[in-house]
C-alpha atoms as a PDB file:
ATOM      1  CA  UNK A   1       2.919 -21.253  20.236  1.00  0.00           C
ATOM      2  CA  UNK A   2       2.667 -19.805  23.733  1.00  0.00           C
ATOM      3  CA  UNK A   3       5.155 -19.844  26.573  1.00  0.00           C
ATOM      4  CA  UNK A   4       3.854 -18.623  29.924  1.00  0.00           C
ATOM      5  CA  UNK A   5       5.886 -17.741  33.024  1.00  0.00           C
ATOM      6  CA  UNK A   6       2.907 -16.487  35.026  1.00  0.00           C
ATOM      7  CA  UNK A   7      -0.555 -15.012  34.513  1.00  0.00           C
ATOM      8  CA  UNK A   8       0.879 -11.584  33.578  1.00  0.00           C
ATOM      9  CA  UNK A   9       3.831 -12.565  31.402  1.00  0.00           C
ATOM     10  CA  UNK A  10       3.898 -14.643  28.235  1.00  0.00           C
ATOM     11  CA  UNK A  11       5.594 -14.979  24.892  1.00  0.00           C
ATOM     12  CA  UNK A  12       3.709 -15.611  21.664  1.00  0.00           C
ATOM     13  CA  UNK A  13       4.939 -16.800  18.282  1.00  0.00           C
ATOM     14  CA  UNK A  14       2.398 -16.253  15.505  1.00  0.00           C
ATOM     15  CA  UNK A  15       3.062 -18.105  12.244  1.00  0.00           C
ATOM     16  CA  UNK A  16       2.243 -16.361   8.966  1.00  0.00           C
ATOM     17  CA  UNK A  17      -1.019 -18.232   8.395  1.00  0.00           C
ATOM     18  CA  UNK A  18      -2.093 -18.309  12.063  1.00  0.00           C
ATOM     19  CA  UNK A  19      -3.120 -14.650  12.275  1.00  0.00           C
ATOM     20  CA  UNK A  20      -6.743 -13.752  11.566  1.00  0.00           C
ATOM     21  CA  UNK A  21      -6.866 -12.322   8.051  1.00  0.00           C
ATOM     22  CA  UNK A  22      -9.523 -10.375   6.162  1.00  0.00           C
ATOM     23  CA  UNK A  23     -10.007  -9.322   2.550  1.00  0.00           C
ATOM     24  CA  UNK A  24     -10.628  -5.585   2.459  1.00  0.00           C
ATOM     25  CA  UNK A  25     -13.262  -3.676   0.496  1.00  0.00           C
ATOM     26  CA  UNK A  26     -12.711  -0.880  -2.029  1.00  0.00           C
ATOM     27  CA  UNK A  27     -10.819   1.417  -2.318  1.00  0.00           C
ATOM     28  CA  UNK A  28      -7.885  -0.433  -0.657  1.00  0.00           C
ATOM     29  CA  UNK A  29      -8.783  -3.971  -1.729  1.00  0.00           C
ATOM     30  CA  UNK A  30      -6.008  -6.357  -0.727  1.00  0.00           C
ATOM     31  CA  UNK A  31      -6.042  -7.897   2.737  1.00  0.00           C
ATOM     32  CA  UNK A  32      -4.981  -7.421   6.349  1.00  0.00           C
ATOM     33  CA  UNK A  33      -3.510  -9.761   8.913  1.00  0.00           C
ATOM     34  CA  UNK A  34      -4.493  -8.960  12.508  1.00  0.00           C
ATOM     35  CA  UNK A  35      -1.417 -10.355  14.235  1.00  0.00           C
ATOM     36  CA  UNK A  36      -1.447  -9.164  17.873  1.00  0.00           C
ATOM     37  CA  UNK A  37      -3.426  -7.055  20.297  1.00  0.00           C
ATOM     38  CA  UNK A  38      -3.623  -6.490  24.035  1.00  0.00           C
ATOM     39  CA  UNK A  39      -6.338  -9.106  24.485  1.00  0.00           C
ATOM     40  CA  UNK A  40      -4.084 -11.759  22.911  1.00  0.00           C
ATOM     41  CA  UNK A  41      -0.947 -10.829  24.818  1.00  0.00           C
ATOM     42  CA  UNK A  42      -2.492 -10.095  28.206  1.00  0.00           C
ATOM     43  CA  UNK A  43       0.061  -7.308  28.451  1.00  0.00           C
ATOM     44  CA  UNK A  44      -0.290  -3.828  29.865  1.00  0.00           C
ATOM     45  CA  UNK A  45      -0.008  -1.884  26.587  1.00  0.00           C
ATOM     46  CA  UNK A  46      -3.226  -1.301  24.639  1.00  0.00           C
ATOM     47  CA  UNK A  47      -2.195  -1.783  20.988  1.00  0.00           C
ATOM     48  CA  UNK A  48      -3.004  -3.636  17.804  1.00  0.00           C
ATOM     49  CA  UNK A  49      -0.449  -4.844  15.256  1.00  0.00           C
ATOM     50  CA  UNK A  50      -0.825  -6.305  11.794  1.00  0.00           C
ATOM     51  CA  UNK A  51       0.028  -6.044   8.136  1.00  0.00           C
ATOM     52  CA  UNK A  52      -1.950  -4.632   5.244  1.00  0.00           C
ATOM     53  CA  UNK A  53      -1.492  -5.371   1.567  1.00  0.00           C
ATOM     54  CA  UNK A  54      -2.859  -2.576  -0.633  1.00  0.00           C
ATOM     55  CA  UNK A  55      -3.603  -3.823  -4.142  1.00  0.00           C
ATOM     56  CA  UNK A  56      -2.030  -2.196  -7.207  1.00  0.00           C
ATOM     57  CA  UNK A  57      -3.659   1.092  -8.256  1.00  0.00           C
ATOM     58  CA  UNK A  58      -5.610   1.249  -4.963  1.00  0.00           C
ATOM     59  CA  UNK A  59      -5.497   3.414  -1.850  1.00  0.00           C
ATOM     60  CA  UNK A  60      -6.561   3.891   1.747  1.00  0.00           C
ATOM     61  CA  UNK A  61      -8.745   6.962   1.816  1.00  0.00           C
ATOM     62  CA  UNK A  62      -7.764  10.037   3.794  1.00  0.00           C
ATOM     63  CA  UNK A  63      -8.643   9.942   7.489  1.00  0.00           C
ATOM     64  CA  UNK A  64      -7.586  10.869  11.012  1.00  0.00           C
ATOM     65  CA  UNK A  65      -7.407   9.056  14.326  1.00  0.00           C
ATOM     66  CA  UNK A  66      -8.649  11.337  17.120  1.00  0.00           C
ATOM     67  CA  UNK A  67      -7.240   9.259  19.980  1.00  0.00           C
ATOM     68  CA  UNK A  68      -4.659   6.981  18.357  1.00  0.00           C
ATOM     69  CA  UNK A  69      -1.084   7.092  17.152  1.00  0.00           C
ATOM     70  CA  UNK A  70      -0.072   5.000  14.150  1.00  0.00           C
ATOM     71  CA  UNK A  71       3.211   3.579  12.882  1.00  0.00           C
ATOM     72  CA  UNK A  72       3.556   2.196   9.340  1.00  0.00           C
ATOM     73  CA  UNK A  73       6.616   0.286   8.095  1.00  0.00           C
ATOM     74  CA  UNK A  74       6.825  -0.802   4.427  1.00  0.00           C
ATOM     75  CA  UNK A  75       7.833  -4.457   4.061  1.00  0.00           C
ATOM     76  CA  UNK A  76       7.048  -4.987   0.351  1.00  0.00           C
ATOM     77  CA  UNK A  77       6.548  -2.779  -2.675  1.00  0.00           C
ATOM     78  CA  UNK A  78       6.302   0.989  -2.686  1.00  0.00           C
ATOM     79  CA  UNK A  79       3.723   3.720  -2.596  1.00  0.00           C
ATOM     80  CA  UNK A  80       2.966   7.210  -1.351  1.00  0.00           C
ATOM     81  CA  UNK A  81       2.058   8.564   2.081  1.00  0.00           C
ATOM     82  CA  UNK A  82       0.050  11.782   1.823  1.00  0.00           C
ATOM     83  CA  UNK A  83       0.209  13.493   5.224  1.00  0.00           C
ATOM     84  CA  UNK A  84      -1.602  16.794   5.678  1.00  0.00           C
ATOM     85  CA  UNK A  85      -1.562  17.161   1.884  1.00  0.00           C
ATOM     86  CA  UNK A  86       2.195  16.564   1.468  1.00  0.00           C
ATOM     87  CA  UNK A  87       3.226  13.499  -0.529  1.00  0.00           C
ATOM     88  CA  UNK A  88       6.167  11.425   0.636  1.00  0.00           C
ATOM     89  CA  UNK A  89       7.506   8.332  -1.146  1.00  0.00           C
ATOM     90  CA  UNK A  90       7.184   5.045   0.713  1.00  0.00           C
ATOM     91  CA  UNK A  91       9.878   2.586  -0.362  1.00  0.00           C
ATOM     92  CA  UNK A  92      10.856  -0.754   1.149  1.00  0.00           C
ATOM     93  CA  UNK A  93      12.031  -0.068   4.706  1.00  0.00           C
ATOM     94  CA  UNK A  94      10.305   3.338   5.041  1.00  0.00           C
ATOM     95  CA  UNK A  95       8.712   4.005   8.438  1.00  0.00           C
ATOM     96  CA  UNK A  96       5.959   6.581   8.956  1.00  0.00           C
ATOM     97  CA  UNK A  97       4.683   7.865  12.310  1.00  0.00           C
ATOM     98  CA  UNK A  98       1.316   9.655  12.437  1.00  0.00           C
ATOM     99  CA  UNK A  99       0.181  11.403  15.610  1.00  0.00           C
ATOM    100  CA  UNK A 100      -3.402  11.967  16.697  1.00  0.00           C
ATOM    101  CA  UNK A 101      -5.617  14.152  14.514  1.00  0.00           C
ATOM    102  CA  UNK A 102      -3.288  14.321  11.488  1.00  0.00           C
ATOM    103  CA  UNK A 103      -4.898  13.769   8.069  1.00  0.00           C
ATOM    104  CA  UNK A 104      -3.222  10.965   6.164  1.00  0.00           C
ATOM    105  CA  UNK A 105      -3.734   8.325   3.547  1.00  0.00           C
ATOM    106  CA  UNK A 106      -1.686   5.793   1.665  1.00  0.00           C
ATOM    107  CA  UNK A 107      -1.699   5.288  -2.081  1.00  0.00           C
ATOM    108  CA  UNK A 108      -0.356   2.511  -4.246  1.00  0.00           C
ATOM    109  CA  UNK A 109      -0.183   3.974  -7.770  1.00  0.00           C
ATOM    110  CA  UNK A 110       2.007   1.073  -8.894  1.00  0.00           C
ATOM    111  CA  UNK A 111       1.401  -2.202 -10.717  1.00  0.00           C
ATOM    112  CA  UNK A 112       2.599  -4.362  -7.789  1.00  0.00           C
ATOM    113  CA  UNK A 113       1.119  -4.746  -4.291  1.00  0.00           C
ATOM    114  CA  UNK A 114       2.396  -2.653  -1.371  1.00  0.00           C
ATOM    115  CA  UNK A 115       2.485  -4.267   2.074  1.00  0.00           C
ATOM    116  CA  UNK A 116       3.192  -2.550   5.355  1.00  0.00           C
ATOM    117  CA  UNK A 117       3.294  -3.436   9.009  1.00  0.00           C
ATOM    118  CA  UNK A 118       0.973  -1.249  11.109  1.00  0.00           C
ATOM    119  CA  UNK A 119       0.964  -0.542  14.822  1.00  0.00           C
ATOM    120  CA  UNK A 120      -1.932   1.346  16.431  1.00  0.00           C
ATOM    121  CA  UNK A 121      -1.699   2.772  19.958  1.00  0.00           C
ATOM    122  CA  UNK A 122      -4.121   2.426  21.653  1.00  0.00           C
ATOM    123  CA  UNK A 123      -5.456  -0.539  19.725  1.00  0.00           C
ATOM    124  CA  UNK A 124      -8.689  -1.089  17.838  1.00  0.00           C
ATOM    125  CA  UNK A 125      -7.640  -1.032  14.186  1.00  0.00           C
ATOM    126  CA  UNK A 126      -7.791  -4.827  14.123  1.00  0.00           C
ATOM    127  CA  UNK A 127     -11.449  -4.694  15.190  1.00  0.00           C
ATOM    128  CA  UNK A 128     -12.216  -2.240  12.370  1.00  0.00           C
ATOM    129  CA  UNK A 129     -10.582  -4.469   9.743  1.00  0.00           C
ATOM    130  CA  UNK A 130     -12.433  -7.558  10.969  1.00  0.00           C
ATOM    131  CA  UNK A 131     -15.791  -5.763  10.848  1.00  0.00           C
ATOM    132  CA  UNK A 132     -15.447  -4.349   7.339  1.00  0.00           C
ATOM    133  CA  UNK A 133     -13.642  -7.280   5.740  1.00  0.00           C
ATOM    134  CA  UNK A 134     -14.384 -10.809   4.633  1.00  0.00           C
ATOM    135  CA  UNK A 135     -12.522 -13.713   6.216  1.00  0.00           C
ATOM    136  CA  UNK A 136      -9.440 -14.686   4.228  1.00  0.00           C
ATOM    137  CA  UNK A 137      -8.369 -18.329   4.142  1.00  0.00           C
ATOM    138  CA  UNK A 138      -4.756 -19.016   3.110  1.00  0.00           C
ATOM    139  CA  UNK A 139      -4.577 -20.406  -0.414  1.00  0.00           C
ATOM    140  CA  UNK A 140      -8.001 -19.206  -1.507  1.00  0.00           C
ATOM    141  CA  UNK A 141      -8.147 -16.708  -4.397  1.00  0.00           C
ATOM    142  CA  UNK A 142      -8.984 -13.069  -3.793  1.00  0.00           C
ATOM    143  CA  UNK A 143     -12.643 -12.130  -4.192  1.00  0.00           C
ATOM    144  CA  UNK A 144     -13.801  -9.620  -6.769  1.00  0.00           C
ATOM    145  CA  UNK A 145     -13.635  -6.064  -5.364  1.00  0.00           C
ATOM    146  CA  UNK A 146     -16.525  -5.522  -2.964  1.00  0.00           C
ATOM    147  CA  UNK A 147     -18.082  -2.428  -1.368  1.00  0.00           C
ATOM    148  CA  UNK A 148     -17.589  -1.311   2.211  1.00  0.00           C
ATOM    149  CA  UNK A 149     -20.483  -2.049   4.584  1.00  0.00           C
ATOM    150  CA  UNK A 150     -23.439   0.330   4.424  1.00  0.00           C
ATOM    151  CA  UNK A 151     -22.773   1.282   8.069  1.00  0.00           C
ATOM    152  CA  UNK A 152     -19.088   2.117   7.477  1.00  0.00           C
ATOM    153  CA  UNK A 153     -19.392   5.542   9.175  1.00  0.00           C
ATOM    154  CA  UNK A 154     -20.782   3.949  12.340  1.00  0.00           C
ATOM    155  CA  UNK A 155     -17.995   1.314  12.378  1.00  0.00           C
ATOM    156  CA  UNK A 156     -15.331   3.992  11.867  1.00  0.00           C
ATOM    157  CA  UNK A 157     -16.710   6.200  14.651  1.00  0.00           C
ATOM    158  CA  UNK A 158     -16.965   3.252  17.062  1.00  0.00           C
ATOM    159  CA  UNK A 159     -13.437   2.001  16.429  1.00  0.00           C
ATOM    160  CA  UNK A 160     -10.375   4.199  15.806  1.00  0.00           C
ATOM    161  CA  UNK A 161     -11.331   6.933  13.370  1.00  0.00           C
ATOM    162  CA  UNK A 162     -11.857  10.625  13.966  1.00  0.00           C
ATOM    163  CA  UNK A 163     -12.577  12.013  10.493  1.00  0.00           C
ATOM    164  CA  UNK A 164     -12.770  10.197   7.149  1.00  0.00           C
ATOM    165  CA  UNK A 165     -12.910  11.695   3.679  1.00  0.00           C
ATOM    166  CA  UNK A 166     -16.586  11.650   2.673  1.00  0.00           C
ATOM    167  CA  UNK A 167     -15.923  12.191  -1.049  1.00  0.00           C
ATOM    168  CA  UNK A 168     -15.404   8.506  -1.743  1.00  0.00           C
ATOM    169  CA  UNK A 169     -18.696   7.700   0.019  1.00  0.00           C
ATOM    170  CA  UNK A 170     -20.548   9.941  -2.435  1.00  0.00           C
ATOM    171  CA  UNK A 171     -19.131   7.909  -5.343  1.00  0.00           C
ATOM    172  CA  UNK A 172     -19.985   4.503  -3.847  1.00  0.00           C
END
């Protein structure tokens, strides 16, 4: 639903199943919802916003964002944020801020999914997720775990990543 006052100002309401959603490859598995970005809002701020569900016993590999700041807010489950090698618990309601160039990754060592809201400034994380994932249709079952694209390094470099842990690539 959109309400528009003029060409520069609008309000958007995005229902749960209206956001573009993508199943994610190993090692995170799970899925993302790309909810909002600057292109959709027409606003001045360059951002992307969404949610990510990390499957049980899975993780988001260690990485940095050279030019982006990231905010994570846990909305379901629990896990661990490892930031510059220091582990911090992530419980329901925990918020994490990560500045540019800081090594971080998120782990779900539990038997239940962990879901968090993510905000990336400037945006681009939504583009990354769309490129590496498979379209998710509400109500359809999850696919079997699938590998990341062969050109994952090129996609990462072109979108929002600075450095990514190469050790997982060697095991793929």
